[in-house]
């Protein structure tokens, strides 16, 4: 349950950062769609970073030297 709450808090925080960094006002036409596109790109970047990090960790030499 705690992991789910932390995950939801991170999503909300990320959404608020997207809104504030791009000066989006939701009552203006087109801004909700722009937010949706930016949010999806943000999520894609998170998964890309996780994939890259995992790949780099797997390339490390974990055996004793």
C-alpha atoms as a PDB file:
ATOM      1  CA  UNK A   1       0.000   0.000   0.000  1.00  0.00           C
ATOM      2  CA  UNK A   2       2.870   2.367   0.813  1.00  0.00           C
ATOM      3  CA  UNK A   3       4.484   1.758  -2.558  1.00  0.00           C
ATOM      4  CA  UNK A   4       1.237   2.607  -4.333  1.00  0.00           C
ATOM      5  CA  UNK A   5       0.891   5.823  -2.345  1.00  0.00           C
ATOM      6  CA  UNK A   6       4.490   6.836  -3.118  1.00  0.00           C
ATOM      7  CA  UNK A   7       3.935   6.070  -6.805  1.00  0.00           C
ATOM      8  CA  UNK A   8       0.762   8.192  -6.894  1.00  0.00           C
ATOM      9  CA  UNK A   9       2.489  11.046  -5.074  1.00  0.00           C
ATOM     10  CA  UNK A  10       5.331  10.995  -7.619  1.00  0.00           C
ATOM     11  CA  UNK A  11       2.830  11.083 -10.491  1.00  0.00           C
ATOM     12  CA  UNK A  12       1.006  14.033  -8.933  1.00  0.00           C
ATOM     13  CA  UNK A  13       4.255  15.878  -8.228  1.00  0.00           C
ATOM     14  CA  UNK A  14       5.423  15.280 -11.799  1.00  0.00           C
ATOM     15  CA  UNK A  15       2.109  16.540 -13.141  1.00  0.00           C
ATOM     16  CA  UNK A  16       2.354  19.702 -11.069  1.00  0.00           C
ATOM     17  CA  UNK A  17       5.911  20.285 -12.287  1.00  0.00           C
ATOM     18  CA  UNK A  18       4.816  19.882 -15.912  1.00  0.00           C
ATOM     19  CA  UNK A  19       1.999  22.380 -15.381  1.00  0.00           C
ATOM     20  CA  UNK A  20       4.184  24.955 -13.634  1.00  0.00           C
ATOM     21  CA  UNK A  21       7.225  24.640 -15.924  1.00  0.00           C
ATOM     22  CA  UNK A  22       5.126  25.092 -19.064  1.00  0.00           C
ATOM     23  CA  UNK A  23       2.771  27.759 -17.649  1.00  0.00           C
ATOM     24  CA  UNK A  24      -0.287  25.713 -18.540  1.00  0.00           C
ATOM     25  CA  UNK A  25      -3.703  27.036 -17.608  1.00  0.00           C
ATOM     26  CA  UNK A  26      -6.369  24.388 -18.066  1.00  0.00           C
ATOM     27  CA  UNK A  27      -9.224  26.715 -18.936  1.00  0.00           C
ATOM     28  CA  UNK A  28      -7.435  27.878 -22.109  1.00  0.00           C
ATOM     29  CA  UNK A  29      -8.206  25.837 -25.225  1.00  0.00           C
ATOM     30  CA  UNK A  30      -5.518  23.354 -26.199  1.00  0.00           C
ATOM     31  CA  UNK A  31      -3.706  23.328 -22.867  1.00  0.00           C
ATOM     32  CA  UNK A  32      -5.209  20.062 -21.565  1.00  0.00           C
ATOM     33  CA  UNK A  33      -4.125  18.339 -24.784  1.00  0.00           C
ATOM     34  CA  UNK A  34      -0.649  19.877 -24.513  1.00  0.00           C
ATOM     35  CA  UNK A  35      -0.448  18.674 -20.895  1.00  0.00           C
ATOM     36  CA  UNK A  36      -1.419  15.156 -21.965  1.00  0.00           C
ATOM     37  CA  UNK A  37       1.312  15.062 -24.611  1.00  0.00           C
ATOM     38  CA  UNK A  38       3.927  16.411 -22.193  1.00  0.00           C
ATOM     39  CA  UNK A  39       2.855  13.954 -19.486  1.00  0.00           C
ATOM     40  CA  UNK A  40       3.104  10.979 -21.843  1.00  0.00           C
ATOM     41  CA  UNK A  41       6.575  12.129 -22.978  1.00  0.00           C
ATOM     42  CA  UNK A  42       7.591  12.430 -19.306  1.00  0.00           C
ATOM     43  CA  UNK A  43       6.426   8.878 -18.555  1.00  0.00           C
ATOM     44  CA  UNK A  44       8.213   7.578 -21.669  1.00  0.00           C
ATOM     45  CA  UNK A  45      11.425   9.307 -20.548  1.00  0.00           C
ATOM     46  CA  UNK A  46      11.139   7.683 -17.106  1.00  0.00           C
ATOM     47  CA  UNK A  47      10.869   4.215 -18.668  1.00  0.00           C
ATOM     48  CA  UNK A  48      13.731   5.010 -21.069  1.00  0.00           C
ATOM     49  CA  UNK A  49      15.928   6.033 -18.126  1.00  0.00           C
ATOM     50  CA  UNK A  50      15.009   2.888 -16.176  1.00  0.00           C
ATOM     51  CA  UNK A  51      15.810   0.740 -19.214  1.00  0.00           C
ATOM     52  CA  UNK A  52      19.155   2.481 -19.695  1.00  0.00           C
ATOM     53  CA  UNK A  53      20.024   2.179 -16.010  1.00  0.00           C
ATOM     54  CA  UNK A  54      19.140  -1.513 -15.961  1.00  0.00           C
ATOM     55  CA  UNK A  55      21.233  -2.143 -19.070  1.00  0.00           C
ATOM     56  CA  UNK A  56      24.233  -0.376 -17.564  1.00  0.00           C
ATOM     57  CA  UNK A  57      23.898  -2.304 -14.297  1.00  0.00           C
ATOM     58  CA  UNK A  58      23.809  -5.609 -16.168  1.00  0.00           C
ATOM     59  CA  UNK A  59      26.984  -4.686 -18.088  1.00  0.00           C
ATOM     60  CA  UNK A  60      28.965  -4.252 -14.876  1.00  0.00           C
ATOM     61  CA  UNK A  61      31.425  -6.910 -13.818  1.00  0.00           C
ATOM     62  CA  UNK A  62      29.825  -8.350 -10.679  1.00  0.00           C
ATOM     63  CA  UNK A  63      32.360 -11.148 -10.201  1.00  0.00           C
ATOM     64  CA  UNK A  64      35.132 -11.064  -7.641  1.00  0.00           C
ATOM     65  CA  UNK A  65      38.365  -9.554  -8.864  1.00  0.00           C
END
